[in-house]
C-alpha atoms as a PDB file:
ATOM      1  CA  MET A   1      32.032  18.291  95.926  1.00  0.00           C
ATOM      2  CA  GLN A   2      31.153  21.895  96.741  1.00  0.00           C
ATOM      3  CA  MET A   3      32.928  21.644 100.112  1.00  0.00           C
ATOM      4  CA  HIS A   4      36.014  20.137  98.461  1.00  0.00           C
ATOM      5  CA  LEU A   5      36.128  23.033  95.961  1.00  0.00           C
ATOM      6  CA  SER A   6      35.856  25.526  98.792  1.00  0.00           C
ATOM      7  CA  VAL A   7      38.749  23.912 100.648  1.00  0.00           C
ATOM      8  CA  ASN A   8      40.888  24.021  97.506  1.00  0.00           C
ATOM      9  CA  LEU A   9      40.086  27.683  96.940  1.00  0.00           C
ATOM     10  CA  ASP A  10      41.003  28.418 100.536  1.00  0.00           C
ATOM     11  CA  ALA A  11      44.278  26.559 100.124  1.00  0.00           C
ATOM     12  CA  ILE A  12      45.056  28.439  96.916  1.00  0.00           C
ATOM     13  CA  ALA A  13      44.215  31.751  98.561  1.00  0.00           C
ATOM     14  CA  SER A  14      46.468  30.849 101.487  1.00  0.00           C
ATOM     15  CA  LEU A  15      49.343  29.959  99.166  1.00  0.00           C
ATOM     16  CA  CYS A  16      48.911  33.222  97.248  1.00  0.00           C
ATOM     17  CA  TYR A  17      48.887  35.203 100.488  1.00  0.00           C
ATOM     18  CA  ASP A  18      51.996  33.379 101.720  1.00  0.00           C
ATOM     19  CA  ALA A  19      53.786  34.041  98.428  1.00  0.00           C
ATOM     20  CA  VAL A  20      53.031  37.750  98.661  1.00  0.00           C
ATOM     21  CA  MET A  21      53.990  37.875 102.344  1.00  0.00           C
ATOM     22  CA  GLU A  22      57.276  35.996 101.798  1.00  0.00           C
ATOM     23  CA  LYS A  23      59.208  39.179 101.068  1.00  0.00           C
ATOM     24  CA  LYS A  24      59.820  40.805 104.423  1.00  0.00           C
ATOM     25  CA  PRO A  25      61.498  44.208 104.657  1.00  0.00           C
ATOM     26  CA  SER A  26      65.199  44.178 105.416  1.00  0.00           C
ATOM     27  CA  ASP A  27      66.493  45.734 108.619  1.00  0.00           C
ATOM     28  CA  ALA A  28      67.799  48.614 106.485  1.00  0.00           C
ATOM     29  CA  ALA A  29      64.340  49.193 104.975  1.00  0.00           C
ATOM     30  CA  ILE A  30      62.748  49.143 108.445  1.00  0.00           C
ATOM     31  CA  ARG A  31      65.338  51.648 109.732  1.00  0.00           C
ATOM     32  CA  ALA A  32      64.761  53.864 106.689  1.00  0.00           C
ATOM     33  CA  TRP A  33      60.993  53.743 107.260  1.00  0.00           C
ATOM     34  CA  ALA A  34      61.320  54.641 110.940  1.00  0.00           C
ATOM     35  CA  ARG A  35      63.731  57.491 110.219  1.00  0.00           C
ATOM     36  CA  LEU A  36      61.608  58.789 107.345  1.00  0.00           C
ATOM     37  CA  THR A  37      58.552  58.854 109.599  1.00  0.00           C
ATOM     38  CA  ARG A  38      60.456  60.483 112.457  1.00  0.00           C
ATOM     39  CA  ALA A  39      62.015  63.083 110.137  1.00  0.00           C
ATOM     40  CA  GLN A  40      58.634  63.954 108.613  1.00  0.00           C
ATOM     41  CA  GLN A  41      57.023  64.338 112.027  1.00  0.00           C
ATOM     42  CA  SER A  42      59.917  66.451 113.287  1.00  0.00           C
ATOM     43  CA  ALA A  43      59.925  68.727 110.233  1.00  0.00           C
ATOM     44  CA  MET A  44      56.162  69.187 110.359  1.00  0.00           C
ATOM     45  CA  ALA A  45      56.296  69.999 114.074  1.00  0.00           C
ATOM     46  CA  VAL A  46      58.871  72.753 113.405  1.00  0.00           C
ATOM     47  CA  ILE A  47      56.771  74.195 110.579  1.00  0.00           C
ATOM     48  CA  GLU A  48      53.450  74.071 112.450  1.00  0.00           C
ATOM     49  CA  GLN A  49      55.027  75.574 115.591  1.00  0.00           C
ATOM     50  CA  ARG A  50      56.500  78.478 113.653  1.00  0.00           C
ATOM     51  CA  LEU A  51      53.166  79.161 111.949  1.00  0.00           C
ATOM     52  CA  LYS A  52      51.415  79.099 115.326  1.00  0.00           C
ATOM     53  CA  VAL A  53      53.935  81.509 116.897  1.00  0.00           C
ATOM     54  CA  ALA A  54      53.426  83.857 113.935  1.00  0.00           C
ATOM     55  CA  LYS A  55      49.649  83.608 114.521  1.00  0.00           C
ATOM     56  CA  LEU A  56      49.132  82.186 111.046  1.00  0.00           C
ATOM     57  CA  PRO A  57      46.814  79.382 109.943  1.00  0.00           C
ATOM     58  CA  PRO A  58      48.056  75.776 109.837  1.00  0.00           C
ATOM     59  CA  LEU A  59      50.017  74.425 106.894  1.00  0.00           C
ATOM     60  CA  ALA A  60      46.981  72.728 105.313  1.00  0.00           C
ATOM     61  CA  TRP A  61      45.555  76.200 104.655  1.00  0.00           C
ATOM     62  CA  TYR A  62      48.679  77.111 102.702  1.00  0.00           C
ATOM     63  CA  ASP A  63      48.334  73.994 100.553  1.00  0.00           C
ATOM     64  CA  VAL A  64      44.712  74.853  99.698  1.00  0.00           C
ATOM     65  CA  LEU A  65      45.506  78.491  98.976  1.00  0.00           C
ATOM     66  CA  LEU A  66      48.483  77.552  96.798  1.00  0.00           C
ATOM     67  CA  GLU A  67      46.514  75.053  94.695  1.00  0.00           C
ATOM     68  CA  VAL A  68      43.568  77.420  94.273  1.00  0.00           C
ATOM     69  CA  GLU A  69      45.844  80.343  93.394  1.00  0.00           C
ATOM     70  CA  ARG A  70      47.683  78.194  90.838  1.00  0.00           C
ATOM     71  CA  ALA A  71      44.341  77.393  89.184  1.00  0.00           C
ATOM     72  CA  GLY A  72      43.896  81.085  88.369  1.00  0.00           C
ATOM     73  CA  PRO A  73      40.591  82.872  87.894  1.00  0.00           C
ATOM     74  CA  ALA A  74      38.878  79.661  86.703  1.00  0.00           C
ATOM     75  CA  GLY A  75      39.309  78.178  90.172  1.00  0.00           C
ATOM     76  CA  LEU A  76      39.074  74.532  91.119  1.00  0.00           C
ATOM     77  CA  ARG A  77      36.310  72.095  91.809  1.00  0.00           C
ATOM     78  CA  PRO A  78      36.532  70.500  95.269  1.00  0.00           C
ATOM     79  CA  PHE A  79      37.229  67.061  93.772  1.00  0.00           C
ATOM     80  CA  GLU A  80      40.194  68.519  91.849  1.00  0.00           C
ATOM     81  CA  LEU A  81      41.531  70.025  95.052  1.00  0.00           C
ATOM     82  CA  GLU A  82      40.937  66.728  96.849  1.00  0.00           C
ATOM     83  CA  LYS A  83      43.088  64.897  94.272  1.00  0.00           C
ATOM     84  CA  ALA A  84      45.845  67.508  94.376  1.00  0.00           C
ATOM     85  CA  MET A  85      46.026  67.441  98.169  1.00  0.00           C
ATOM     86  CA  LEU A  86      45.223  63.784  98.854  1.00  0.00           C
ATOM     87  CA  LEU A  87      42.665  64.654 101.517  1.00  0.00           C
ATOM     88  CA  ALA A  88      39.474  62.804 102.296  1.00  0.00           C
ATOM     89  CA  GLN A  89      36.389  64.682 101.080  1.00  0.00           C
ATOM     90  CA  TYR A  90      34.956  65.173 104.557  1.00  0.00           C
ATOM     91  CA  ASN A  91      38.260  66.666 105.788  1.00  0.00           C
ATOM     92  CA  LEU A  92      38.438  68.949 102.782  1.00  0.00           C
ATOM     93  CA  SER A  93      34.861  70.196 103.232  1.00  0.00           C
ATOM     94  CA  ARG A  94      35.529  71.285 106.808  1.00  0.00           C
ATOM     95  CA  LEU A  95      38.860  72.813 105.868  1.00  0.00           C
ATOM     96  CA  LEU A  96      37.286  74.791 103.011  1.00  0.00           C
ATOM     97  CA  SER A  97      34.549  76.053 105.330  1.00  0.00           C
ATOM     98  CA  ARG A  98      37.113  77.394 107.796  1.00  0.00           C
ATOM     99  CA  ILE A  99      39.172  79.035 105.046  1.00  0.00           C
ATOM    100  CA  GLU A 100      36.047  80.556 103.519  1.00  0.00           C
ATOM    101  CA  GLU A 101      34.956  81.911 106.938  1.00  0.00           C
ATOM    102  CA  ALA A 102      38.356  83.637 107.166  1.00  0.00           C
ATOM    103  CA  GLY A 103      37.642  85.307 103.808  1.00  0.00           C
ATOM    104  CA  TYR A 104      40.519  83.636 101.930  1.00  0.00           C
ATOM    105  CA  ILE A 105      38.493  81.700  99.383  1.00  0.00           C
ATOM    106  CA  ALA A 106      35.115  82.098  97.711  1.00  0.00           C
ATOM    107  CA  ARG A 107      32.762  79.419  96.460  1.00  0.00           C
ATOM    108  CA  GLN A 108      30.598  79.914  93.391  1.00  0.00           C
ATOM    109  CA  HIS A 109      28.085  77.610  91.791  1.00  0.00           C
ATOM    110  CA  CYS A 110      29.387  75.619  88.873  1.00  0.00           C
ATOM    111  CA  GLU A 111      27.484  76.339  85.644  1.00  0.00           C
ATOM    112  CA  GLU A 112      28.017  72.809  84.257  1.00  0.00           C
ATOM    113  CA  ASP A 113      26.885  71.063  87.438  1.00  0.00           C
ATOM    114  CA  GLY A 114      24.042  72.577  89.440  1.00  0.00           C
ATOM    115  CA  ARG A 115      25.255  70.947  92.666  1.00  0.00           C
ATOM    116  CA  GLY A 116      28.939  71.610  92.002  1.00  0.00           C
ATOM    117  CA  GLN A 117      31.088  74.456  93.232  1.00  0.00           C
ATOM    118  CA  ILE A 118      34.105  76.364  92.012  1.00  0.00           C
ATOM    119  CA  ILE A 119      36.642  77.489  94.601  1.00  0.00           C
ATOM    120  CA  THR A 120      38.595  80.689  93.910  1.00  0.00           C
ATOM    121  CA  ILE A 121      41.119  82.578  96.005  1.00  0.00           C
ATOM    122  CA  THR A 122      40.343  86.074  97.242  1.00  0.00           C
ATOM    123  CA  ASP A 123      42.803  88.948  97.427  1.00  0.00           C
ATOM    124  CA  ALA A 124      42.980  88.385 101.200  1.00  0.00           C
ATOM    125  CA  GLY A 125      43.756  84.724 100.497  1.00  0.00           C
ATOM    126  CA  LYS A 126      46.656  85.689  98.229  1.00  0.00           C
ATOM    127  CA  VAL A 127      48.058  87.936 100.965  1.00  0.00           C
ATOM    128  CA  ALA A 128      47.629  85.193 103.573  1.00  0.00           C
ATOM    129  CA  ARG A 129      49.350  82.629 101.333  1.00  0.00           C
ATOM    130  CA  ARG A 130      52.361  84.918 100.924  1.00  0.00           C
ATOM    131  CA  GLU A 131      52.510  85.574 104.684  1.00  0.00           C
ATOM    132  CA  ILE A 132      52.350  81.840 105.411  1.00  0.00           C
ATOM    133  CA  TRP A 133      55.067  81.173 102.823  1.00  0.00           C
ATOM    134  CA  THR A 134      57.409  83.653 104.498  1.00  0.00           C
ATOM    135  CA  VAL A 135      57.268  81.635 107.727  1.00  0.00           C
ATOM    136  CA  TYR A 136      56.962  78.252 105.988  1.00  0.00           C
ATOM    137  CA  SER A 137      60.056  78.774 103.833  1.00  0.00           C
ATOM    138  CA  THR A 138      62.253  79.709 106.798  1.00  0.00           C
ATOM    139  CA  ALA A 139      60.844  76.728 108.707  1.00  0.00           C
ATOM    140  CA  ILE A 140      61.795  74.420 105.802  1.00  0.00           C
ATOM    141  CA  GLU A 141      65.325  75.785 106.058  1.00  0.00           C
ATOM    142  CA  ALA A 142      65.359  75.168 109.820  1.00  0.00           C
ATOM    143  CA  ALA A 143      63.824  71.697 109.572  1.00  0.00           C
ATOM    144  CA  VAL A 144      65.709  70.410 106.515  1.00  0.00           C
ATOM    145  CA  GLY A 145      68.034  72.883 104.806  1.00  0.00           C
ATOM    146  CA  GLN A 146      70.375  73.529 107.721  1.00  0.00           C
ATOM    147  CA  HIS A 147      70.966  69.785 108.122  1.00  0.00           C
ATOM    148  CA  LEU A 148      71.806  68.968 104.490  1.00  0.00           C
ATOM    149  CA  SER A 149      74.000  70.366 101.758  1.00  0.00           C
ATOM    150  CA  ASP A 150      72.266  71.102  98.449  1.00  0.00           C
ATOM    151  CA  GLU A 151      73.831  67.920  97.030  1.00  0.00           C
ATOM    152  CA  GLN A 152      72.512  65.847  99.943  1.00  0.00           C
ATOM    153  CA  ALA A 153      69.077  67.467  99.629  1.00  0.00           C
ATOM    154  CA  ASP A 154      69.033  66.613  95.896  1.00  0.00           C
ATOM    155  CA  THR A 155      69.991  63.007  96.666  1.00  0.00           C
ATOM    156  CA  LEU A 156      67.330  62.739  99.362  1.00  0.00           C
ATOM    157  CA  SER A 157      64.761  64.260  97.017  1.00  0.00           C
ATOM    158  CA  GLU A 158      65.597  61.703  94.306  1.00  0.00           C
ATOM    159  CA  LEU A 159      65.396  58.815  96.780  1.00  0.00           C
ATOM    160  CA  LEU A 160      62.060  59.999  98.142  1.00  0.00           C
ATOM    161  CA  GLU A 161      60.737  60.372  94.595  1.00  0.00           C
ATOM    162  CA  ARG A 162      61.519  56.691  94.022  1.00  0.00           C
ATOM    163  CA  ILE A 163      59.430  55.818  97.080  1.00  0.00           C
ATOM    164  CA  ALA A 164      56.590  58.187  96.136  1.00  0.00           C
ATOM    165  CA  ALA A 165      56.410  57.134  92.485  1.00  0.00           C
ATOM    166  CA  PRO A 166      53.709  54.609  91.636  1.00  0.00           C
ATOM    167  CA  PRO A 167      55.074  51.074  91.282  1.00  0.00           C
ATOM    168  CA  ARG A 168      55.990  50.049  87.769  1.00  0.00           C
ATOM    169  CA  LYS A 169      53.975  47.279  86.212  1.00  0.00           C
ATOM    170  CA  GLU A 170      56.041  44.212  85.610  1.00  0.00           C
ATOM    171  CA  ARG A 171      56.354  43.244  81.979  1.00  0.00           C
ATOM    172  CA  SER A 172      54.956  39.869  81.151  1.00  0.00           C
ATOM    173  CA  SER A 173      57.423  37.543  79.486  1.00  0.00           C
ATOM    174  CA  ARG A 174      56.131  35.928  76.346  1.00  0.00           C
END
């Protein structure tokens, strides 16, 4: 009896998997995915290359500095920064160490949590963020803006937001 139950559960699991896997992407969706990936890689390559030529830190540094500066004098806890940037904790720790070594951020002990830290931006970090933005903003124009009208960029932005938004929960019919 136990073996029979196991076989039935396997069959049910297989049917559920097949039902989920039934919906294959259309050719249009596959093309859109490939072009989205290619466009993102191309745009990032332009941005990173321009930052490198300007002898500025990589784009990830800008993202950290921006989030920490936005937090104001209170700073951010690393886990808050991790959520905002969608980075793995081990990647963020190394990144923060490099940015701290450059003198752009400071870490203080968190009063509420003896093991916790608060990350704040230094004056040098604010200057660096502005310098990076100068190059970054012109690179965005080169990578995206020069290829699209404002109307097209708005449309693309809205379409990408639909992809990035969390899926809606289906309403159960009663």
